[in-house]
PDB file of N, CA and C in Angstrom:
ATOM      1  N   MET A   1       5.497   7.818  -6.864  1.00  0.00           N
ATOM      2  CA  MET A   1       4.310   7.562  -6.087  1.00  0.00           C
ATOM      3  C   MET A   1       3.339   8.715  -6.333  1.00  0.00           C
ATOM      4  N   ALA A   2       2.093   8.379  -6.475  1.00  0.00           N
ATOM      5  CA  ALA A   2       1.068   9.398  -6.702  1.00  0.00           C
ATOM      6  C   ALA A   2       0.002   9.285  -5.629  1.00  0.00           C
ATOM      7  N   PHE A   3      -0.649  10.393  -5.350  1.00  0.00           N
ATOM      8  CA  PHE A   3      -1.759  10.392  -4.403  1.00  0.00           C
ATOM      9  C   PHE A   3      -3.011  10.790  -5.154  1.00  0.00           C
ATOM     10  N   LEU A   4      -4.057  10.026  -5.005  1.00  0.00           N
ATOM     11  CA  LEU A   4      -5.313  10.257  -5.696  1.00  0.00           C
ATOM     12  C   LEU A   4      -6.389  10.388  -4.645  1.00  0.00           C
ATOM     13  N   HIS A   5      -6.961  11.546  -4.518  1.00  0.00           N
ATOM     14  CA  HIS A   5      -7.922  11.853  -3.451  1.00  0.00           C
ATOM     15  C   HIS A   5      -7.268  11.530  -2.114  1.00  0.00           C
ATOM     16  N   SER A   6      -7.789  10.556  -1.397  1.00  0.00           N
ATOM     17  CA  SER A   6      -7.197  10.227  -0.096  1.00  0.00           C
ATOM     18  C   SER A   6      -6.556   8.842  -0.106  1.00  0.00           C
ATOM     19  N   ASP A   7      -6.078   8.404  -1.241  1.00  0.00           N
ATOM     20  CA  ASP A   7      -5.426   7.104  -1.366  1.00  0.00           C
ATOM     21  C   ASP A   7      -3.979   7.302  -1.807  1.00  0.00           C
ATOM     22  N   ALA A   8      -3.104   6.384  -1.421  1.00  0.00           N
ATOM     23  CA  ALA A   8      -1.715   6.392  -1.884  1.00  0.00           C
ATOM     24  C   ALA A   8      -1.549   5.278  -2.909  1.00  0.00           C
ATOM     25  N   ILE A   9      -0.950   5.609  -4.044  1.00  0.00           N
ATOM     26  CA  ILE A   9      -0.740   4.630  -5.108  1.00  0.00           C
ATOM     27  C   ILE A   9       0.744   4.611  -5.450  1.00  0.00           C
ATOM     28  N   ASP A  10       1.344   3.425  -5.455  1.00  0.00           N
ATOM     29  CA  ASP A  10       2.753   3.275  -5.814  1.00  0.00           C
ATOM     30  C   ASP A  10       2.841   2.341  -7.012  1.00  0.00           C
ATOM     31  N   GLN A  11       3.591   2.744  -8.034  1.00  0.00           N
ATOM     32  CA  GLN A  11       3.712   1.946  -9.253  1.00  0.00           C
ATOM     33  C   GLN A  11       5.010   1.142  -9.236  1.00  0.00           C
ATOM     34  N   HIS A  12       5.137   0.181 -10.148  1.00  0.00           N
ATOM     35  CA  HIS A  12       6.281  -0.743 -10.213  1.00  0.00           C
ATOM     36  C   HIS A  12       6.503  -1.383  -8.844  1.00  0.00           C
ATOM     37  N   PHE A  13       5.426  -1.735  -8.202  1.00  0.00           N
ATOM     38  CA  PHE A  13       5.415  -2.095  -6.787  1.00  0.00           C
ATOM     39  C   PHE A  13       6.227  -3.352  -6.477  1.00  0.00           C
ATOM     40  N   ALA A  14       5.878  -4.481  -7.063  1.00  0.00           N
ATOM     41  CA  ALA A  14       6.577  -5.737  -6.760  1.00  0.00           C
ATOM     42  C   ALA A  14       7.952  -5.771  -7.412  1.00  0.00           C
ATOM     43  N   GLU A  15       8.039  -5.348  -8.668  1.00  0.00           N
ATOM     44  CA  GLU A  15       9.311  -5.464  -9.384  1.00  0.00           C
ATOM     45  C   GLU A  15      10.411  -4.614  -8.758  1.00  0.00           C
ATOM     46  N   ARG A  16      10.057  -3.509  -8.100  1.00  0.00           N
ATOM     47  CA  ARG A  16      11.059  -2.655  -7.440  1.00  0.00           C
ATOM     48  C   ARG A  16      11.006  -2.758  -5.916  1.00  0.00           C
ATOM     49  N   ARG A  17      10.265  -3.731  -5.433  1.00  0.00           N
ATOM     50  CA  ARG A  17      10.195  -4.037  -3.990  1.00  0.00           C
ATOM     51  C   ARG A  17       9.887  -2.790  -3.159  1.00  0.00           C
ATOM     52  N   ARG A  18       8.738  -2.216  -3.391  1.00  0.00           N
ATOM     53  CA  ARG A  18       8.380  -0.940  -2.779  1.00  0.00           C
ATOM     54  C   ARG A  18       7.399  -1.039  -1.609  1.00  0.00           C
ATOM     55  N   LEU A  19       7.261  -2.202  -1.014  1.00  0.00           N
ATOM     56  CA  LEU A  19       6.351  -2.333   0.121  1.00  0.00           C
ATOM     57  C   LEU A  19       6.761  -1.398   1.260  1.00  0.00           C
ATOM     58  N   GLY A  20       8.035  -1.370   1.605  1.00  0.00           N
ATOM     59  CA  GLY A  20       8.506  -0.492   2.680  1.00  0.00           C
ATOM     60  C   GLY A  20       8.240   0.970   2.390  1.00  0.00           C
ATOM     61  N   ARG A  21       8.429   1.372   1.145  1.00  0.00           N
ATOM     62  CA  ARG A  21       8.182   2.762   0.754  1.00  0.00           C
ATOM     63  C   ARG A  21       6.711   3.123   0.906  1.00  0.00           C
ATOM     64  N   LEU A  22       5.826   2.221   0.499  1.00  0.00           N
ATOM     65  CA  LEU A  22       4.397   2.495   0.615  1.00  0.00           C
ATOM     66  C   LEU A  22       3.970   2.540   2.082  1.00  0.00           C
ATOM     67  N   ILE A  23       4.461   1.617   2.893  1.00  0.00           N
ATOM     68  CA  ILE A  23       4.129   1.643   4.317  1.00  0.00           C
ATOM     69  C   ILE A  23       4.619   2.936   4.958  1.00  0.00           C
ATOM     70  N   SER A  24       5.821   3.378   4.634  1.00  0.00           N
ATOM     71  CA  SER A  24       6.343   4.640   5.177  1.00  0.00           C
ATOM     72  C   SER A  24       5.461   5.815   4.789  1.00  0.00           C
ATOM     73  N   ALA A  25       4.990   5.840   3.560  1.00  0.00           N
ATOM     74  CA  ALA A  25       4.094   6.920   3.123  1.00  0.00           C
ATOM     75  C   ALA A  25       2.782   6.880   3.896  1.00  0.00           C
ATOM     76  N   LEU A  26       2.255   5.685   4.104  1.00  0.00           N
ATOM     77  CA  LEU A  26       0.990   5.560   4.828  1.00  0.00           C
ATOM     78  C   LEU A  26       1.130   5.970   6.291  1.00  0.00           C
ATOM     79  N   LEU A  27       2.274   5.727   6.888  1.00  0.00           N
ATOM     80  CA  LEU A  27       2.486   6.128   8.279  1.00  0.00           C
ATOM     81  C   LEU A  27       2.531   7.647   8.429  1.00  0.00           C
ATOM     82  N   GLN A  28       2.837   8.349   7.351  1.00  0.00           N
ATOM     83  CA  GLN A  28       2.842   9.812   7.378  1.00  0.00           C
ATOM     84  C   GLN A  28       1.458  10.394   7.124  1.00  0.00           C
ATOM     85  N   ALA A  29       0.550   9.587   6.635  1.00  0.00           N
ATOM     86  CA  ALA A  29      -0.822  10.030   6.349  1.00  0.00           C
ATOM     87  C   ALA A  29      -1.769   8.960   6.867  1.00  0.00           C
ATOM     88  N   PRO A  30      -1.955   8.886   8.183  1.00  0.00           N
ATOM     89  CA  PRO A  30      -2.724   7.783   8.771  1.00  0.00           C
ATOM     90  C   PRO A  30      -4.136   7.642   8.207  1.00  0.00           C
ATOM     91  N   ALA A  31      -4.598   6.405   8.210  1.00  0.00           N
ATOM     92  CA  ALA A  31      -5.979   6.044   7.877  1.00  0.00           C
ATOM     93  C   ALA A  31      -6.339   6.203   6.412  1.00  0.00           C
ATOM     94  N   ILE A  32      -5.336   6.186   5.507  1.00  0.00           N
ATOM     95  CA  ILE A  32      -5.661   6.135   4.084  1.00  0.00           C
ATOM     96  C   ILE A  32      -5.200   4.779   3.555  1.00  0.00           C
ATOM     97  N   PRO A  33      -5.895   4.228   2.591  1.00  0.00           N
ATOM     98  CA  PRO A  33      -5.443   2.958   2.018  1.00  0.00           C
ATOM     99  C   PRO A  33      -4.294   3.173   1.040  1.00  0.00           C
ATOM    100  N   GLY A  34      -3.477   2.160   0.883  1.00  0.00           N
ATOM    101  CA  GLY A  34      -2.379   2.214  -0.072  1.00  0.00           C
ATOM    102  C   GLY A  34      -2.528   1.112  -1.101  1.00  0.00           C
ATOM    103  N   PHE A  35      -2.251   1.443  -2.348  1.00  0.00           N
ATOM    104  CA  PHE A  35      -2.362   0.488  -3.447  1.00  0.00           C
ATOM    105  C   PHE A  35      -1.010   0.356  -4.125  1.00  0.00           C
ATOM    106  N   GLY A  36      -0.568  -0.877  -4.343  1.00  0.00           N
ATOM    107  CA  GLY A  36       0.662  -1.138  -5.069  1.00  0.00           C
ATOM    108  C   GLY A  36       0.336  -1.873  -6.355  1.00  0.00           C
ATOM    109  N   ILE A  37       0.736  -1.282  -7.478  1.00  0.00           N
ATOM    110  CA  ILE A  37       0.469  -1.916  -8.771  1.00  0.00           C
ATOM    111  C   ILE A  37       1.753  -1.948  -9.598  1.00  0.00           C
ATOM    112  N   ASP A  38       1.832  -2.917 -10.487  1.00  0.00           N
ATOM    113  CA  ASP A  38       2.964  -3.012 -11.397  1.00  0.00           C
ATOM    114  C   ASP A  38       2.546  -2.507 -12.772  1.00  0.00           C
ATOM    115  N   GLU A  39       3.363  -2.813 -13.776  1.00  0.00           N
ATOM    116  CA  GLU A  39       3.131  -2.263 -15.112  1.00  0.00           C
ATOM    117  C   GLU A  39       1.853  -2.781 -15.765  1.00  0.00           C
ATOM    118  N   ASP A  40       1.545  -4.061 -15.580  1.00  0.00           N
ATOM    119  CA  ASP A  40       0.400  -4.641 -16.280  1.00  0.00           C
ATOM    120  C   ASP A  40      -0.940  -4.467 -15.570  1.00  0.00           C
ATOM    121  N   PRO A  41      -1.039  -4.722 -14.281  1.00  0.00           N
ATOM    122  CA  PRO A  41      -2.369  -4.646 -13.665  1.00  0.00           C
ATOM    123  C   PRO A  41      -2.849  -3.219 -13.465  1.00  0.00           C
ATOM    124  N   ALA A  42      -4.137  -3.118 -13.281  1.00  0.00           N
ATOM    125  CA  ALA A  42      -4.774  -1.841 -12.936  1.00  0.00           C
ATOM    126  C   ALA A  42      -5.866  -2.146 -11.929  1.00  0.00           C
ATOM    127  N   ILE A  43      -6.281  -1.129 -11.224  1.00  0.00           N
ATOM    128  CA  ILE A  43      -7.415  -1.280 -10.317  1.00  0.00           C
ATOM    129  C   ILE A  43      -8.510  -0.329 -10.768  1.00  0.00           C
ATOM    130  N   ILE A  44      -9.719  -0.821 -10.725  1.00  0.00           N
ATOM    131  CA  ILE A  44     -10.889  -0.005 -11.043  1.00  0.00           C
ATOM    132  C   ILE A  44     -11.683   0.128  -9.759  1.00  0.00           C
ATOM    133  N   VAL A  45     -11.885   1.361  -9.331  1.00  0.00           N
ATOM    134  CA  VAL A  45     -12.620   1.620  -8.098  1.00  0.00           C
ATOM    135  C   VAL A  45     -13.946   2.258  -8.460  1.00  0.00           C
ATOM    136  N   ASP A  46     -15.025   1.665  -7.963  1.00  0.00           N
ATOM    137  CA  ASP A  46     -16.371   2.188  -8.187  1.00  0.00           C
ATOM    138  C   ASP A  46     -17.078   2.205  -6.839  1.00  0.00           C
ATOM    139  N   GLY A  47     -17.092   3.360  -6.209  1.00  0.00           N
ATOM    140  CA  GLY A  47     -17.662   3.457  -4.867  1.00  0.00           C
ATOM    141  C   GLY A  47     -16.805   2.688  -3.891  1.00  0.00           C
ATOM    142  N   ASP A  48     -17.395   1.707  -3.215  1.00  0.00           N
ATOM    143  CA  ASP A  48     -16.659   0.871  -2.271  1.00  0.00           C
ATOM    144  C   ASP A  48     -16.132  -0.413  -2.905  1.00  0.00           C
ATOM    145  N   ALA A  49     -16.398  -0.618  -4.198  1.00  0.00           N
ATOM    146  CA  ALA A  49     -15.972  -1.840  -4.883  1.00  0.00           C
ATOM    147  C   ALA A  49     -14.671  -1.605  -5.640  1.00  0.00           C
ATOM    148  N   LEU A  50     -13.799  -2.605  -5.611  1.00  0.00           N
ATOM    149  CA  LEU A  50     -12.522  -2.537  -6.301  1.00  0.00           C
ATOM    150  C   LEU A  50     -12.370  -3.796  -7.139  1.00  0.00           C
ATOM    151  N   THR A  51     -11.920  -3.640  -8.389  1.00  0.00           N
ATOM    152  CA  THR A  51     -11.674  -4.770  -9.276  1.00  0.00           C
ATOM    153  C   THR A  51     -10.267  -4.661  -9.832  1.00  0.00           C
ATOM    154  N   VAL A  52      -9.546  -5.777  -9.851  1.00  0.00           N
ATOM    155  CA  VAL A  52      -8.206  -5.823 -10.426  1.00  0.00           C
ATOM    156  C   VAL A  52      -8.323  -6.356 -11.844  1.00  0.00           C
ATOM    157  N   VAL A  53      -7.695  -5.681 -12.796  1.00  0.00           N
ATOM    158  CA  VAL A  53      -7.646  -6.144 -14.184  1.00  0.00           C
ATOM    159  C   VAL A  53      -6.183  -6.234 -14.604  1.00  0.00           C
ATOM    160  N   GLY A  54      -5.883  -7.154 -15.520  1.00  0.00           N
ATOM    161  CA  GLY A  54      -4.512  -7.352 -15.975  1.00  0.00           C
ATOM    162  C   GLY A  54      -4.011  -8.716 -15.547  1.00  0.00           C
ATOM    163  N   HIS A  55      -2.783  -9.036 -15.938  1.00  0.00           N
ATOM    164  CA  HIS A  55      -2.250 -10.384 -15.727  1.00  0.00           C
ATOM    165  C   HIS A  55      -1.522 -10.567 -14.408  1.00  0.00           C
ATOM    166  N   GLU A  56      -1.219  -9.519 -13.722  1.00  0.00           N
ATOM    167  CA  GLU A  56      -0.515  -9.639 -12.446  1.00  0.00           C
ATOM    168  C   GLU A  56      -1.438  -9.201 -11.318  1.00  0.00           C
ATOM    169  N   ALA A  57      -0.984  -9.344 -10.108  1.00  0.00           N
ATOM    170  CA  ALA A  57      -1.780  -8.980  -8.937  1.00  0.00           C
ATOM    171  C   ALA A  57      -1.526  -7.530  -8.535  1.00  0.00           C
ATOM    172  N   ALA A  58      -2.424  -7.015  -7.741  1.00  0.00           N
ATOM    173  CA  ALA A  58      -2.271  -5.697  -7.133  1.00  0.00           C
ATOM    174  C   ALA A  58      -2.271  -5.888  -5.620  1.00  0.00           C
ATOM    175  N   ALA A  59      -1.600  -4.995  -4.925  1.00  0.00           N
ATOM    176  CA  ALA A  59      -1.525  -5.076  -3.463  1.00  0.00           C
ATOM    177  C   ALA A  59      -2.321  -3.938  -2.845  1.00  0.00           C
ATOM    178  N   ILE A  60      -2.955  -4.237  -1.733  1.00  0.00           N
ATOM    179  CA  ILE A  60      -3.632  -3.209  -0.945  1.00  0.00           C
ATOM    180  C   ILE A  60      -3.049  -3.283   0.460  1.00  0.00           C
ATOM    181  N   VAL A  61      -2.585  -2.145   0.953  1.00  0.00           N
ATOM    182  CA  VAL A  61      -2.047  -2.059   2.311  1.00  0.00           C
ATOM    183  C   VAL A  61      -3.049  -1.268   3.140  1.00  0.00           C
ATOM    184  N   ASP A  62      -3.497  -1.891   4.220  1.00  0.00           N
ATOM    185  CA  ASP A  62      -4.525  -1.304   5.081  1.00  0.00           C
ATOM    186  C   ASP A  62      -3.953  -1.146   6.483  1.00  0.00           C
ATOM    187  N   GLU A  63      -3.811   0.086   6.924  1.00  0.00           N
ATOM    188  CA  GLU A  63      -3.269   0.341   8.258  1.00  0.00           C
ATOM    189  C   GLU A  63      -4.349   0.801   9.236  1.00  0.00           C
ATOM    190  N   SER A  64      -5.604   0.562   8.912  1.00  0.00           N
ATOM    191  CA  SER A  64      -6.700   1.064   9.745  1.00  0.00           C
ATOM    192  C   SER A  64      -6.733   0.432  11.136  1.00  0.00           C
ATOM    193  N   GLU A  65      -6.106  -0.741  11.294  1.00  0.00           N
ATOM    194  CA  GLU A  65      -6.071  -1.393  12.603  1.00  0.00           C
ATOM    195  C   GLU A  65      -4.657  -1.421  13.186  1.00  0.00           C
ATOM    196  N   LEU A  66      -3.807  -0.514  12.738  1.00  0.00           N
ATOM    197  CA  LEU A  66      -2.434  -0.405  13.225  1.00  0.00           C
ATOM    198  C   LEU A  66      -2.423  -0.201  14.738  1.00  0.00           C
ATOM    199  N   THR A  67      -1.609  -0.988  15.438  1.00  0.00           N
ATOM    200  CA  THR A  67      -1.529  -0.852  16.899  1.00  0.00           C
ATOM    201  C   THR A  67      -0.203  -0.275  17.364  1.00  0.00           C
ATOM    202  N   TYR A  68       0.840  -0.336  16.523  1.00  0.00           N
ATOM    203  CA  TYR A  68       2.143   0.190  16.931  1.00  0.00           C
ATOM    204  C   TYR A  68       2.979   0.503  15.707  1.00  0.00           C
ATOM    205  N   ASP A  69       3.717   1.604  15.767  1.00  0.00           N
ATOM    206  CA  ASP A  69       4.792   1.868  14.822  1.00  0.00           C
ATOM    207  C   ASP A  69       5.826   2.748  15.510  1.00  0.00           C
ATOM    208  N   ASN A  70       7.061   2.631  15.061  1.00  0.00           N
ATOM    209  CA  ASN A  70       8.134   3.460  15.603  1.00  0.00           C
ATOM    210  C   ASN A  70       8.620   4.487  14.590  1.00  0.00           C
ATOM    211  N   PHE A  71       7.813   4.767  13.590  1.00  0.00           N
ATOM    212  CA  PHE A  71       8.228   5.592  12.456  1.00  0.00           C
ATOM    213  C   PHE A  71       8.743   6.965  12.879  1.00  0.00           C
ATOM    214  N   ASN A  72       8.052   7.647  13.757  1.00  0.00           N
ATOM    215  CA  ASN A  72       8.455   9.001  14.157  1.00  0.00           C
ATOM    216  C   ASN A  72       9.537   9.009  15.233  1.00  0.00           C
ATOM    217  N   LYS A  73       9.997   7.836  15.659  1.00  0.00           N
ATOM    218  CA  LYS A  73      11.005   7.741  16.715  1.00  0.00           C
ATOM    219  C   LYS A  73      12.296   7.098  16.218  1.00  0.00           C
ATOM    220  N   LEU A  74      12.412   6.851  14.928  1.00  0.00           N
ATOM    221  CA  LEU A  74      13.562   6.132  14.387  1.00  0.00           C
ATOM    222  C   LEU A  74      14.834   6.965  14.432  1.00  0.00           C
ATOM    223  N   SER A  75      15.940   6.318  14.810  1.00  0.00           N
ATOM    224  CA  SER A  75      17.248   6.927  14.611  1.00  0.00           C
ATOM    225  C   SER A  75      17.806   6.364  13.302  1.00  0.00           C
ATOM    226  N   GLU A  76      18.919   6.900  12.839  1.00  0.00           N
ATOM    227  CA  GLU A  76      19.456   6.495  11.538  1.00  0.00           C
ATOM    228  C   GLU A  76      19.797   5.011  11.448  1.00  0.00           C
ATOM    229  N   ASP A  77      20.162   4.397  12.556  1.00  0.00           N
ATOM    230  CA  ASP A  77      20.590   3.002  12.515  1.00  0.00           C
ATOM    231  C   ASP A  77      19.482   2.007  12.869  1.00  0.00           C
ATOM    232  N   GLU A  78      18.257   2.476  13.006  1.00  0.00           N
ATOM    233  CA  GLU A  78      17.137   1.602  13.351  1.00  0.00           C
ATOM    234  C   GLU A  78      16.300   1.259  12.121  1.00  0.00           C
ATOM    235  N   SER A  79      15.647   0.121  12.199  1.00  0.00           N
ATOM    236  CA  SER A  79      14.701  -0.286  11.161  1.00  0.00           C
ATOM    237  C   SER A  79      13.283   0.009  11.632  1.00  0.00           C
ATOM    238  N   ILE A  80      12.405   0.176  10.668  1.00  0.00           N
ATOM    239  CA  ILE A  80      11.005   0.455  10.983  1.00  0.00           C
ATOM    240  C   ILE A  80      10.346  -0.792  11.577  1.00  0.00           C
ATOM    241  N   ALA A  81       9.443  -0.564  12.507  1.00  0.00           N
ATOM    242  CA  ALA A  81       8.650  -1.646  13.097  1.00  0.00           C
ATOM    243  C   ALA A  81       7.186  -1.223  13.072  1.00  0.00           C
ATOM    244  N   VAL A  82       6.318  -2.115  12.613  1.00  0.00           N
ATOM    245  CA  VAL A  82       4.879  -1.845  12.590  1.00  0.00           C
ATOM    246  C   VAL A  82       4.142  -3.114  13.009  1.00  0.00           C
ATOM    247  N   CYS A  83       3.004  -2.938  13.655  1.00  0.00           N
ATOM    248  CA  CYS A  83       2.192  -4.080  14.082  1.00  0.00           C
ATOM    249  C   CYS A  83       0.760  -3.910  13.599  1.00  0.00           C
ATOM    250  N   ASP A  84       0.211  -4.972  13.086  1.00  0.00           N
ATOM    251  CA  ASP A  84      -1.189  -5.057  12.680  1.00  0.00           C
ATOM    252  C   ASP A  84      -1.532  -4.255  11.435  1.00  0.00           C
ATOM    253  N   ILE A  85      -0.631  -4.246  10.470  1.00  0.00           N
ATOM    254  CA  ILE A  85      -0.945  -3.729   9.138  1.00  0.00           C
ATOM    255  C   ILE A  85      -1.418  -4.923   8.312  1.00  0.00           C
ATOM    256  N   LYS A  86      -2.462  -4.739   7.531  1.00  0.00           N
ATOM    257  CA  LYS A  86      -2.974  -5.810   6.668  1.00  0.00           C
ATOM    258  C   LYS A  86      -2.438  -5.610   5.254  1.00  0.00           C
ATOM    259  N   LEU A  87      -2.017  -6.709   4.632  1.00  0.00           N
ATOM    260  CA  LEU A  87      -1.564  -6.704   3.247  1.00  0.00           C
ATOM    261  C   LEU A  87      -2.446  -7.669   2.474  1.00  0.00           C
ATOM    262  N   HIS A  88      -3.115  -7.169   1.448  1.00  0.00           N
ATOM    263  CA  HIS A  88      -3.975  -7.984   0.591  1.00  0.00           C
ATOM    264  C   HIS A  88      -3.324  -8.044  -0.792  1.00  0.00           C
ATOM    265  N   ILE A  89      -3.169  -9.230  -1.340  1.00  0.00           N
ATOM    266  CA  ILE A  89      -2.673  -9.422  -2.698  1.00  0.00           C
ATOM    267  C   ILE A  89      -3.845  -9.965  -3.510  1.00  0.00           C
ATOM    268  N   LEU A  90      -4.298  -9.179  -4.476  1.00  0.00           N
ATOM    269  CA  LEU A  90      -5.502  -9.531  -5.235  1.00  0.00           C
ATOM    270  C   LEU A  90      -5.163  -9.753  -6.702  1.00  0.00           C
ATOM    271  N   SER A  91      -5.680 -10.836  -7.271  1.00  0.00           N
ATOM    272  CA  SER A  91      -5.437 -11.143  -8.674  1.00  0.00           C
ATOM    273  C   SER A  91      -6.598 -10.664  -9.544  1.00  0.00           C
ATOM    274  N   GLN A  92      -6.417 -10.816 -10.838  1.00  0.00           N
ATOM    275  CA  GLN A  92      -7.407 -10.351 -11.813  1.00  0.00           C
ATOM    276  C   GLN A  92      -8.805 -10.858 -11.481  1.00  0.00           C
ATOM    277  N   GLY A  93      -9.763  -9.971 -11.560  1.00  0.00           N
ATOM    278  CA  GLY A  93     -11.157 -10.313 -11.354  1.00  0.00           C
ATOM    279  C   GLY A  93     -11.615 -10.271  -9.920  1.00  0.00           C
ATOM    280  N   PHE A  94     -10.695 -10.079  -9.004  1.00  0.00           N
ATOM    281  CA  PHE A  94     -11.080 -10.050  -7.602  1.00  0.00           C
ATOM    282  C   PHE A  94     -11.691  -8.713  -7.271  1.00  0.00           C
TER     283      PHE A  94
END
């Protein structure tokens, strides 16, 4: 996982099922967007505009409207719970 400015980027996202990992990273750094990309797609960011290029989709995780999480209260046998996280799956050209 890499961090670029104030964004979190996770690679091999869908093929390695890394949604939980990206959400956990975002909960440690509130109010930053998270991007999940695989080997083929890329995202081009120009100001506030984002374009997906490549044959697969890219994911954007937005926690700006998060209303609840138990991340900092978890015991070893508990699973993470989050409410009101947005997940966007964008294909080429979007």
